[in-house]
PDB file of all heavy atoms in Angstrom:
ATOM      1  N   GLN A   1       6.245  -4.520   6.485  1.00  0.00           N
ATOM      2  CA  GLN A   1       7.601  -4.559   5.911  1.00  0.00           C
ATOM      3  C   GLN A   1       8.218  -5.943   6.064  1.00  0.00           C
ATOM      4  O   GLN A   1       9.051  -6.384   5.230  1.00  0.00           O
ATOM      5  CB  GLN A   1       8.496  -3.555   6.619  1.00  0.00           C
ATOM      6  CG  GLN A   1       8.108  -2.110   6.357  1.00  0.00           C
ATOM      7  CD  GLN A   1       7.046  -1.615   7.312  1.00  0.00           C
ATOM      8  OE1 GLN A   1       6.456  -2.394   8.080  1.00  0.00           O
ATOM      9  NE2 GLN A   1       6.728  -0.315   7.252  1.00  0.00           N
ATOM     10  N   GLU A   2       7.773  -6.679   7.068  1.00  0.00           N
ATOM     11  CA  GLU A   2       8.263  -8.006   7.310  1.00  0.00           C
ATOM     12  C   GLU A   2       7.853  -9.016   6.273  1.00  0.00           C
ATOM     13  O   GLU A   2       8.604  -9.920   5.934  1.00  0.00           O
ATOM     14  CB  GLU A   2       7.705  -8.485   8.693  1.00  0.00           C
ATOM     15  CG  GLU A   2       8.725  -9.109   9.618  1.00  0.00           C
ATOM     16  CD  GLU A   2       8.054  -9.592  10.850  1.00  0.00           C
ATOM     17  OE1 GLU A   2       7.339  -8.775  11.525  1.00  0.00           O
ATOM     18  OE2 GLU A   2       8.250 -10.754  11.213  1.00  0.00           O
ATOM     19  N   VAL A   3       6.672  -8.779   5.746  1.00  0.00           N
ATOM     20  CA  VAL A   3       6.058  -9.785   4.857  1.00  0.00           C
ATOM     21  C   VAL A   3       6.082  -9.368   3.379  1.00  0.00           C
ATOM     22  O   VAL A   3       6.383 -10.146   2.515  1.00  0.00           O
ATOM     23  CB  VAL A   3       4.544  -9.986   5.259  1.00  0.00           C
ATOM     24  CG1 VAL A   3       3.887 -10.961   4.304  1.00  0.00           C
ATOM     25  CG2 VAL A   3       4.461 -10.476   6.708  1.00  0.00           C
ATOM     26  N   ALA A   4       5.855  -8.091   3.097  1.00  0.00           N
ATOM     27  CA  ALA A   4       5.646  -7.665   1.721  1.00  0.00           C
ATOM     28  C   ALA A   4       6.873  -7.675   0.841  1.00  0.00           C
ATOM     29  O   ALA A   4       6.811  -7.788  -0.338  1.00  0.00           O
ATOM     30  CB  ALA A   4       5.007  -6.263   1.706  1.00  0.00           C
ATOM     31  N   GLY A   5       8.058  -7.466   1.450  1.00  0.00           N
ATOM     32  CA  GLY A   5       9.268  -7.485   0.645  1.00  0.00           C
ATOM     33  C   GLY A   5       9.635  -6.087   0.165  1.00  0.00           C
ATOM     34  O   GLY A   5       8.852  -5.148   0.268  1.00  0.00           O
ATOM     35  N   PRO A   6      10.872  -5.915  -0.369  1.00  0.00           N
ATOM     36  CA  PRO A   6      11.373  -4.615  -0.712  1.00  0.00           C
ATOM     37  C   PRO A   6      10.616  -3.907  -1.792  1.00  0.00           C
ATOM     38  O   PRO A   6      10.563  -2.681  -1.828  1.00  0.00           O
ATOM     39  CB  PRO A   6      12.812  -4.915  -1.144  1.00  0.00           C
ATOM     40  CG  PRO A   6      12.800  -6.320  -1.574  1.00  0.00           C
ATOM     41  CD  PRO A   6      11.807  -7.014  -0.656  1.00  0.00           C
ATOM     42  N   HIS A   7       9.980  -4.645  -2.701  1.00  0.00           N
ATOM     43  CA  HIS A   7       9.284  -3.980  -3.799  1.00  0.00           C
ATOM     44  C   HIS A   7       7.989  -3.297  -3.372  1.00  0.00           C
ATOM     45  O   HIS A   7       7.499  -2.366  -4.022  1.00  0.00           O
ATOM     46  CB  HIS A   7       8.954  -4.997  -4.888  1.00  0.00           C
ATOM     47  CG  HIS A   7      10.119  -5.452  -5.696  1.00  0.00           C
ATOM     48  ND1 HIS A   7      10.948  -6.477  -5.282  1.00  0.00           N
ATOM     49  CD2 HIS A   7      10.681  -4.941  -6.829  1.00  0.00           C
ATOM     50  CE1 HIS A   7      11.916  -6.630  -6.148  1.00  0.00           C
ATOM     51  NE2 HIS A   7      11.782  -5.726  -7.111  1.00  0.00           N
ATOM     52  N   PHE A   8       7.418  -3.747  -2.241  1.00  0.00           N
ATOM     53  CA  PHE A   8       6.127  -3.212  -1.829  1.00  0.00           C
ATOM     54  C   PHE A   8       6.179  -2.526  -0.482  1.00  0.00           C
ATOM     55  O   PHE A   8       5.140  -2.178   0.071  1.00  0.00           O
ATOM     56  CB  PHE A   8       5.108  -4.376  -1.747  1.00  0.00           C
ATOM     57  CG  PHE A   8       5.054  -5.210  -2.951  1.00  0.00           C
ATOM     58  CD1 PHE A   8       5.417  -6.565  -2.906  1.00  0.00           C
ATOM     59  CD2 PHE A   8       4.642  -4.679  -4.165  1.00  0.00           C
ATOM     60  CE1 PHE A   8       5.405  -7.355  -4.053  1.00  0.00           C
ATOM     61  CE2 PHE A   8       4.594  -5.496  -5.302  1.00  0.00           C
ATOM     62  CZ  PHE A   8       4.957  -6.816  -5.251  1.00  0.00           C
ATOM     63  N   THR A   9       7.354  -2.293   0.080  1.00  0.00           N
ATOM     64  CA  THR A   9       7.481  -1.834   1.428  1.00  0.00           C
ATOM     65  C   THR A   9       6.933  -0.403   1.627  1.00  0.00           C
ATOM     66  O   THR A   9       6.240  -0.128   2.578  1.00  0.00           O
ATOM     67  CB  THR A   9       8.959  -1.879   1.913  1.00  0.00           C
ATOM     68  OG1 THR A   9       9.412  -3.232   1.829  1.00  0.00           O
ATOM     69  CG2 THR A   9       9.104  -1.326   3.289  1.00  0.00           C
ATOM     70  N   THR A  10       7.230   0.494   0.684  1.00  0.00           N
ATOM     71  CA  THR A  10       6.927   1.893   0.905  1.00  0.00           C
ATOM     72  C   THR A  10       5.535   2.291   0.420  1.00  0.00           C
ATOM     73  O   THR A  10       5.118   3.421   0.662  1.00  0.00           O
ATOM     74  CB  THR A  10       7.948   2.776   0.196  1.00  0.00           C
ATOM     75  OG1 THR A  10       7.940   2.492  -1.217  1.00  0.00           O
ATOM     76  CG2 THR A  10       9.343   2.506   0.733  1.00  0.00           C
ATOM     77  N   MET A  11       4.848   1.400  -0.237  1.00  0.00           N
ATOM     78  CA  MET A  11       3.633   1.854  -0.954  1.00  0.00           C
ATOM     79  C   MET A  11       2.432   2.073  -0.032  1.00  0.00           C
ATOM     80  O   MET A  11       1.432   2.630  -0.433  1.00  0.00           O
ATOM     81  CB  MET A  11       3.248   0.896  -2.058  1.00  0.00           C
ATOM     82  CG  MET A  11       3.128  -0.564  -1.713  1.00  0.00           C
ATOM     83  SD  MET A  11       1.588  -1.037  -0.847  1.00  0.00           S
ATOM     84  CE  MET A  11       0.421  -0.338  -1.958  1.00  0.00           C
ATOM     85  N   VAL A  12       2.469   1.646   1.241  1.00  0.00           N
ATOM     86  CA  VAL A  12       1.335   1.863   2.130  1.00  0.00           C
ATOM     87  C   VAL A  12       1.487   3.123   2.971  1.00  0.00           C
ATOM     88  O   VAL A  12       0.652   3.412   3.801  1.00  0.00           O
ATOM     89  CB  VAL A  12       1.179   0.636   3.100  1.00  0.00           C
ATOM     90  CG1 VAL A  12       0.793  -0.597   2.311  1.00  0.00           C
ATOM     91  CG2 VAL A  12       2.378   0.426   3.918  1.00  0.00           C
ATOM     92  N   ALA A  13       2.506   3.889   2.719  1.00  0.00           N
ATOM     93  CA  ALA A  13       2.703   5.108   3.499  1.00  0.00           C
ATOM     94  C   ALA A  13       1.619   6.144   3.219  1.00  0.00           C
ATOM     95  O   ALA A  13       1.159   6.860   4.083  1.00  0.00           O
ATOM     96  CB  ALA A  13       4.065   5.670   3.227  1.00  0.00           C
ATOM     97  N   ASP A  14       1.209   6.261   1.954  1.00  0.00           N
ATOM     98  CA  ASP A  14       0.229   7.242   1.573  1.00  0.00           C
ATOM     99  C   ASP A  14      -1.006   6.543   0.949  1.00  0.00           C
ATOM    100  O   ASP A  14      -0.901   5.471   0.403  1.00  0.00           O
ATOM    101  CB  ASP A  14       0.798   8.237   0.553  1.00  0.00           C
ATOM    102  CG  ASP A  14       1.986   8.983   1.109  1.00  0.00           C
ATOM    103  OD1 ASP A  14       1.906   9.438   2.274  1.00  0.00           O
ATOM    104  OD2 ASP A  14       2.993   9.088   0.425  1.00  0.00           O
ATOM    105  N   THR A  15      -2.146   7.218   1.051  1.00  0.00           N
ATOM    106  CA  THR A  15      -3.347   6.723   0.442  1.00  0.00           C
ATOM    107  C   THR A  15      -3.312   6.978  -1.104  1.00  0.00           C
ATOM    108  O   THR A  15      -2.561   7.758  -1.572  1.00  0.00           O
ATOM    109  CB  THR A  15      -4.613   7.373   1.013  1.00  0.00           C
ATOM    110  OG1 THR A  15      -4.494   8.797   0.828  1.00  0.00           O
ATOM    111  CG2 THR A  15      -4.717   7.087   2.518  1.00  0.00           C
ATOM    112  N   GLY A  16      -4.198   6.265  -1.799  1.00  0.00           N
ATOM    113  CA  GLY A  16      -4.272   6.432  -3.216  1.00  0.00           C
ATOM    114  C   GLY A  16      -3.970   5.170  -3.989  1.00  0.00           C
ATOM    115  O   GLY A  16      -3.951   4.070  -3.386  1.00  0.00           O
ATOM    116  N   GLN A  17      -3.732   5.333  -5.243  1.00  0.00           N
ATOM    117  CA  GLN A  17      -3.518   4.190  -6.154  1.00  0.00           C
ATOM    118  C   GLN A  17      -2.136   4.289  -6.771  1.00  0.00           C
ATOM    119  O   GLN A  17      -1.671   5.331  -7.097  1.00  0.00           O
ATOM    120  CB  GLN A  17      -4.574   4.187  -7.243  1.00  0.00           C
ATOM    121  CG  GLN A  17      -4.444   2.995  -8.219  1.00  0.00           C
ATOM    122  CD  GLN A  17      -5.513   3.052  -9.288  1.00  0.00           C
ATOM    123  OE1 GLN A  17      -6.320   3.988  -9.355  1.00  0.00           O
ATOM    124  NE2 GLN A  17      -5.574   2.062 -10.148  1.00  0.00           N
ATOM    125  N   THR A  18      -1.496   3.128  -6.904  1.00  0.00           N
ATOM    126  CA  THR A  18      -0.166   3.094  -7.511  1.00  0.00           C
ATOM    127  C   THR A  18       0.024   1.755  -8.200  1.00  0.00           C
ATOM    128  O   THR A  18      -0.600   0.782  -7.836  1.00  0.00           O
ATOM    129  CB  THR A  18       0.966   3.335  -6.471  1.00  0.00           C
ATOM    130  OG1 THR A  18       2.198   3.370  -7.132  1.00  0.00           O
ATOM    131  CG2 THR A  18       0.982   2.204  -5.452  1.00  0.00           C
ATOM    132  N   THR A  19       0.870   1.759  -9.208  1.00  0.00           N
ATOM    133  CA  THR A  19       1.203   0.534  -9.929  1.00  0.00           C
ATOM    134  C   THR A  19       2.656   0.170  -9.635  1.00  0.00           C
ATOM    135  O   THR A  19       3.536   1.018  -9.721  1.00  0.00           O
ATOM    136  CB  THR A  19       1.061   0.732 -11.444  1.00  0.00           C
ATOM    137  OG1 THR A  19      -0.314   1.054 -11.722  1.00  0.00           O
ATOM    138  CG2 THR A  19       1.379  -0.564 -12.203  1.00  0.00           C
ATOM    139  N   ILE A  20       2.883  -1.103  -9.253  1.00  0.00           N
ATOM    140  CA  ILE A  20       4.188  -1.538  -8.807  1.00  0.00           C
ATOM    141  C   ILE A  20       4.614  -2.759  -9.667  1.00  0.00           C
ATOM    142  O   ILE A  20       3.797  -3.655  -9.885  1.00  0.00           O
ATOM    143  CB  ILE A  20       4.196  -1.912  -7.321  1.00  0.00           C
ATOM    144  CG1 ILE A  20       3.947  -0.664  -6.477  1.00  0.00           C
ATOM    145  CG2 ILE A  20       5.519  -2.536  -6.922  1.00  0.00           C
ATOM    146  CD1 ILE A  20       3.907  -0.930  -4.986  1.00  0.00           C
ATOM    147  N   HIS A  21       5.835  -2.713 -10.128  1.00  0.00           N
ATOM    148  CA  HIS A  21       6.394  -3.819 -10.894  1.00  0.00           C
ATOM    149  C   HIS A  21       7.243  -4.722  -9.972  1.00  0.00           C
ATOM    150  O   HIS A  21       8.128  -4.224  -9.277  1.00  0.00           O
ATOM    151  CB  HIS A  21       7.260  -3.289 -12.043  1.00  0.00           C
ATOM    152  CG  HIS A  21       6.479  -2.519 -13.068  1.00  0.00           C
ATOM    153  ND1 HIS A  21       6.033  -3.114 -14.254  1.00  0.00           N
ATOM    154  CD2 HIS A  21       6.066  -1.257 -13.055  1.00  0.00           C
ATOM    155  CE1 HIS A  21       5.337  -2.210 -14.936  1.00  0.00           C
ATOM    156  NE2 HIS A  21       5.361  -1.070 -14.260  1.00  0.00           N
ATOM    157  N   GLY A  22       6.897  -5.993  -9.937  1.00  0.00           N
ATOM    158  CA  GLY A  22       7.634  -6.943  -9.105  1.00  0.00           C
ATOM    159  C   GLY A  22       8.936  -7.339  -9.687  1.00  0.00           C
ATOM    160  O   GLY A  22       9.272  -7.025 -10.842  1.00  0.00           O
ATOM    161  N   ALA A  23       9.719  -8.059  -8.905  1.00  0.00           N
ATOM    162  CA  ALA A  23      11.056  -8.488  -9.327  1.00  0.00           C
ATOM    163  C   ALA A  23      10.989  -9.427 -10.498  1.00  0.00           C
ATOM    164  O   ALA A  23      11.893  -9.476 -11.345  1.00  0.00           O
ATOM    165  CB  ALA A  23      11.798  -9.113  -8.137  1.00  0.00           C
ATOM    166  N   ALA A  24       9.919 -10.226 -10.605  1.00  0.00           N
ATOM    167  CA  ALA A  24       9.826 -11.231 -11.659  1.00  0.00           C
ATOM    168  C   ALA A  24       9.100 -10.655 -12.916  1.00  0.00           C
ATOM    169  O   ALA A  24       8.746 -11.449 -13.811  1.00  0.00           O
ATOM    170  CB  ALA A  24       9.082 -12.451 -11.189  1.00  0.00           C
ATOM    171  N   GLY A  25       8.890  -9.373 -12.973  1.00  0.00           N
ATOM    172  CA  GLY A  25       8.231  -8.808 -14.118  1.00  0.00           C
ATOM    173  C   GLY A  25       6.735  -8.667 -13.976  1.00  0.00           C
ATOM    174  O   GLY A  25       6.065  -8.159 -14.876  1.00  0.00           O
ATOM    175  N   ASP A  26       6.180  -9.180 -12.868  1.00  0.00           N
ATOM    176  CA  ASP A  26       4.749  -9.055 -12.663  1.00  0.00           C
ATOM    177  C   ASP A  26       4.387  -7.613 -12.291  1.00  0.00           C
ATOM    178  O   ASP A  26       5.190  -6.883 -11.772  1.00  0.00           O
ATOM    179  CB  ASP A  26       4.264 -10.017 -11.571  1.00  0.00           C
ATOM    180  CG  ASP A  26       5.218 -10.132 -10.424  1.00  0.00           C
ATOM    181  OD1 ASP A  26       6.265  -9.436 -10.467  1.00  0.00           O
ATOM    182  OD2 ASP A  26       4.962 -10.926  -9.493  1.00  0.00           O
ATOM    183  N   VAL A  27       3.135  -7.238 -12.527  1.00  0.00           N
ATOM    184  CA  VAL A  27       2.668  -5.864 -12.309  1.00  0.00           C
ATOM    185  C   VAL A  27       1.438  -5.917 -11.397  1.00  0.00           C
ATOM    186  O   VAL A  27       0.519  -6.732 -11.596  1.00  0.00           O
ATOM    187  CB  VAL A  27       2.325  -5.190 -13.640  1.00  0.00           C
ATOM    188  CG1 VAL A  27       1.982  -3.712 -13.396  1.00  0.00           C
ATOM    189  CG2 VAL A  27       3.450  -5.295 -14.634  1.00  0.00           C
ATOM    190  N   TYR A  28       1.421  -5.029 -10.386  1.00  0.00           N
ATOM    191  CA  TYR A  28       0.336  -5.032  -9.413  1.00  0.00           C
ATOM    192  C   TYR A  28      -0.231  -3.591  -9.308  1.00  0.00           C
ATOM    193  O   TYR A  28       0.495  -2.604  -9.319  1.00  0.00           O
ATOM    194  CB  TYR A  28       0.821  -5.468  -8.047  1.00  0.00           C
ATOM    195  CG  TYR A  28       1.266  -6.910  -7.993  1.00  0.00           C
ATOM    196  CD1 TYR A  28       2.621  -7.189  -8.179  1.00  0.00           C
ATOM    197  CD2 TYR A  28       0.383  -7.958  -7.777  1.00  0.00           C
ATOM    198  CE1 TYR A  28       3.068  -8.503  -8.133  1.00  0.00           C
ATOM    199  CE2 TYR A  28       0.828  -9.259  -7.780  1.00  0.00           C
ATOM    200  CZ  TYR A  28       2.187  -9.554  -7.957  1.00  0.00           C
ATOM    201  OH  TYR A  28       2.605 -10.837  -7.928  1.00  0.00           O
ATOM    202  N   ASP A  29      -1.548  -3.544  -9.194  1.00  0.00           N
ATOM    203  CA  ASP A  29      -2.256  -2.311  -8.956  1.00  0.00           C
ATOM    204  C   ASP A  29      -2.607  -2.292  -7.437  1.00  0.00           C
ATOM    205  O   ASP A  29      -3.320  -3.168  -6.968  1.00  0.00           O
ATOM    206  CB  ASP A  29      -3.515  -2.173  -9.773  1.00  0.00           C
ATOM    207  CG  ASP A  29      -4.338  -0.979  -9.436  1.00  0.00           C
ATOM    208  OD1 ASP A  29      -3.911   0.134  -9.813  1.00  0.00           O
ATOM    209  OD2 ASP A  29      -5.377  -1.126  -8.784  1.00  0.00           O
ATOM    210  N   PHE A  30      -2.115  -1.305  -6.725  1.00  0.00           N
ATOM    211  CA  PHE A  30      -2.367  -1.203  -5.266  1.00  0.00           C
ATOM    212  C   PHE A  30      -3.232   0.028  -4.986  1.00  0.00           C
ATOM    213  O   PHE A  30      -3.010   1.104  -5.530  1.00  0.00           O
ATOM    214  CB  PHE A  30      -1.031  -1.044  -4.527  1.00  0.00           C
ATOM    215  CG  PHE A  30      -0.347  -2.349  -4.183  1.00  0.00           C
ATOM    216  CD1 PHE A  30       0.504  -2.945  -5.064  1.00  0.00           C
ATOM    217  CD2 PHE A  30      -0.586  -2.954  -2.979  1.00  0.00           C
ATOM    218  CE1 PHE A  30       1.144  -4.121  -4.825  1.00  0.00           C
ATOM    219  CE2 PHE A  30       0.044  -4.180  -2.680  1.00  0.00           C
ATOM    220  CZ  PHE A  30       0.892  -4.746  -3.606  1.00  0.00           C
ATOM    221  N   ARG A  31      -4.232  -0.204  -4.145  1.00  0.00           N
ATOM    222  CA  ARG A  31      -5.066   0.905  -3.639  1.00  0.00           C
ATOM    223  C   ARG A  31      -5.008   0.863  -2.100  1.00  0.00           C
ATOM    224  O   ARG A  31      -5.257  -0.170  -1.473  1.00  0.00           O
ATOM    225  CB  ARG A  31      -6.544   0.710  -4.107  1.00  0.00           C
ATOM    226  CG  ARG A  31      -6.664   0.736  -5.620  1.00  0.00           C
ATOM    227  CD  ARG A  31      -8.093   0.424  -6.032  1.00  0.00           C
ATOM    228  NE  ARG A  31      -8.196   0.347  -7.464  1.00  0.00           N
ATOM    229  CZ  ARG A  31      -8.574   1.338  -8.273  1.00  0.00           C
ATOM    230  NH1 ARG A  31      -8.884   2.516  -7.706  1.00  0.00           N
ATOM    231  NH2 ARG A  31      -8.652   1.175  -9.574  1.00  0.00           N
ATOM    232  N   VAL A  32      -4.675   1.998  -1.545  1.00  0.00           N
ATOM    233  CA  VAL A  32      -4.499   2.128  -0.082  1.00  0.00           C
ATOM    234  C   VAL A  32      -5.551   3.083   0.447  1.00  0.00           C
ATOM    235  O   VAL A  32      -5.636   4.243  -0.037  1.00  0.00           O
ATOM    236  CB  VAL A  32      -3.103   2.621   0.295  1.00  0.00           C
ATOM    237  CG1 VAL A  32      -2.953   2.711   1.815  1.00  0.00           C
ATOM    238  CG2 VAL A  32      -2.058   1.676  -0.309  1.00  0.00           C
ATOM    239  N   VAL A  33      -6.394   2.637   1.395  1.00  0.00           N
ATOM    240  CA  VAL A  33      -7.431   3.449   1.969  1.00  0.00           C
ATOM    241  C   VAL A  33      -7.270   3.464   3.475  1.00  0.00           C
ATOM    242  O   VAL A  33      -7.211   2.430   4.128  1.00  0.00           O
ATOM    243  CB  VAL A  33      -8.849   2.884   1.568  1.00  0.00           C
ATOM    244  CG1 VAL A  33      -9.936   3.731   2.151  1.00  0.00           C
ATOM    245  CG2 VAL A  33      -8.991   2.799   0.075  1.00  0.00           C
ATOM    246  N   LYS A  34      -7.227   4.656   4.043  1.00  0.00           N
ATOM    247  CA  LYS A  34      -7.183   4.800   5.471  1.00  0.00           C
ATOM    248  C   LYS A  34      -8.601   4.757   6.044  1.00  0.00           C
ATOM    249  O   LYS A  34      -9.478   5.487   5.585  1.00  0.00           O
ATOM    250  CB  LYS A  34      -6.508   6.136   5.871  1.00  0.00           C
ATOM    251  CG  LYS A  34      -5.108   6.319   5.349  1.00  0.00           C
ATOM    252  CD  LYS A  34      -4.160   5.363   6.021  1.00  0.00           C
ATOM    253  CE  LYS A  34      -2.719   5.621   5.550  1.00  0.00           C
ATOM    254  NZ  LYS A  34      -1.736   4.676   6.140  1.00  0.00           N
ATOM    255  N   ILE A  35      -8.840   3.930   7.034  1.00  0.00           N
ATOM    256  CA  ILE A  35     -10.135   3.802   7.675  1.00  0.00           C
ATOM    257  C   ILE A  35     -10.327   4.985   8.627  1.00  0.00           C
ATOM    258  O   ILE A  35      -9.410   5.303   9.404  1.00  0.00           O
ATOM    259  CB  ILE A  35     -10.283   2.476   8.439  1.00  0.00           C
ATOM    260  CG1 ILE A  35     -10.080   1.317   7.490  1.00  0.00           C
ATOM    261  CG2 ILE A  35     -11.656   2.386   9.097  1.00  0.00           C
ATOM    262  CD1 ILE A  35     -10.008  -0.005   8.182  1.00  0.00           C
ATOM    263  N   GLU A  36     -11.480   5.652   8.543  1.00  0.00           N
ATOM    264  CA  GLU A  36     -11.743   6.806   9.405  1.00  0.00           C
ATOM    265  C   GLU A  36     -12.856   6.421  10.401  1.00  0.00           C
ATOM    266  O   GLU A  36     -13.922   5.990  10.012  1.00  0.00           O
ATOM    267  CB  GLU A  36     -12.183   8.000   8.587  1.00  0.00           C
ATOM    268  CG  GLU A  36     -11.059   8.592   7.697  1.00  0.00           C
ATOM    269  CD  GLU A  36     -11.461   9.871   7.055  1.00  0.00           C
ATOM    270  OE1 GLU A  36     -12.567  10.402   7.404  1.00  0.00           O
ATOM    271  OE2 GLU A  36     -10.712  10.404   6.205  1.00  0.00           O
ATOM    272  N   ALA A  37     -12.543   6.599  11.684  1.00  0.00           N
ATOM    273  CA  ALA A  37     -13.507   6.366  12.731  1.00  0.00           C
ATOM    274  C   ALA A  37     -14.376   7.595  12.889  1.00  0.00           C
ATOM    275  O   ALA A  37     -14.149   8.675  12.307  1.00  0.00           O
ATOM    276  CB  ALA A  37     -12.821   6.041  14.068  1.00  0.00           C
ATOM    277  N   VAL A  38     -15.482   7.477  13.688  1.00  0.00           N
ATOM    278  CA  VAL A  38     -16.396   8.565  13.884  1.00  0.00           C
ATOM    279  C   VAL A  38     -15.706   9.784  14.506  1.00  0.00           C
ATOM    280  O   VAL A  38     -16.006  10.962  14.197  1.00  0.00           O
ATOM    281  CB  VAL A  38     -17.592   8.117  14.779  1.00  0.00           C
ATOM    282  CG1 VAL A  38     -18.532   9.275  15.035  1.00  0.00           C
ATOM    283  CG2 VAL A  38     -18.322   6.965  14.093  1.00  0.00           C
ATOM    284  N   ASP A  39     -14.726   9.530  15.403  1.00  0.00           N
ATOM    285  CA  ASP A  39     -14.051  10.649  16.105  1.00  0.00           C
ATOM    286  C   ASP A  39     -12.905  11.233  15.251  1.00  0.00           C
ATOM    287  O   ASP A  39     -12.164  12.069  15.719  1.00  0.00           O
ATOM    288  CB  ASP A  39     -13.504  10.161  17.440  1.00  0.00           C
ATOM    289  CG  ASP A  39     -12.526   8.999  17.287  1.00  0.00           C
ATOM    290  OD1 ASP A  39     -12.266   8.547  16.140  1.00  0.00           O
ATOM    291  OD2 ASP A  39     -12.044   8.478  18.328  1.00  0.00           O
ATOM    292  N   GLY A  40     -12.769  10.753  14.030  1.00  0.00           N
ATOM    293  CA  GLY A  40     -11.738  11.300  13.141  1.00  0.00           C
ATOM    294  C   GLY A  40     -10.425  10.546  13.213  1.00  0.00           C
ATOM    295  O   GLY A  40      -9.511  10.860  12.418  1.00  0.00           O
ATOM    296  N   SER A  41     -10.290   9.603  14.120  1.00  0.00           N
ATOM    297  CA  SER A  41      -9.033   8.854  14.206  1.00  0.00           C
ATOM    298  C   SER A  41      -8.940   7.812  13.094  1.00  0.00           C
ATOM    299  O   SER A  41      -9.908   7.561  12.402  1.00  0.00           O
ATOM    300  CB  SER A  41      -8.924   8.144  15.574  1.00  0.00           C
ATOM    301  OG  SER A  41     -10.009   7.219  15.729  1.00  0.00           O
ATOM    302  N   CYS A  42      -7.796   7.198  12.961  1.00  0.00           N
ATOM    303  CA  CYS A  42      -7.562   6.192  11.929  1.00  0.00           C
ATOM    304  C   CYS A  42      -7.203   4.862  12.605  1.00  0.00           C
ATOM    305  O   CYS A  42      -6.055   4.617  12.976  1.00  0.00           O
ATOM    306  CB  CYS A  42      -6.416   6.641  10.986  1.00  0.00           C
ATOM    307  SG  CYS A  42      -6.035   5.421   9.728  1.00  0.00           S
ATOM    308  N   PRO A  43      -8.188   3.975  12.741  1.00  0.00           N
ATOM    309  CA  PRO A  43      -7.943   2.684  13.403  1.00  0.00           C
ATOM    310  C   PRO A  43      -7.216   1.686  12.543  1.00  0.00           C
ATOM    311  O   PRO A  43      -6.851   0.599  13.039  1.00  0.00           O
ATOM    312  CB  PRO A  43      -9.324   2.185  13.736  1.00  0.00           C
ATOM    313  CG  PRO A  43     -10.218   2.799  12.706  1.00  0.00           C
ATOM    314  CD  PRO A  43      -9.597   4.130  12.370  1.00  0.00           C
TER     315      PRO A  43
END
C-alpha cells in the first residue's frame, strides 16, 4: 500500500486476474498468485 498507490492498493487481496485503469489512462493486467508451501501455508 505504501508503494503501489490508491489505484492498485486493493487488487492483491484476492488471487486471480484483474484489469486496472491508472490515473493517466494507462491500463494494466494484474495476476495475483498465492505461493503454497508443502505444509499448506502461504509464505
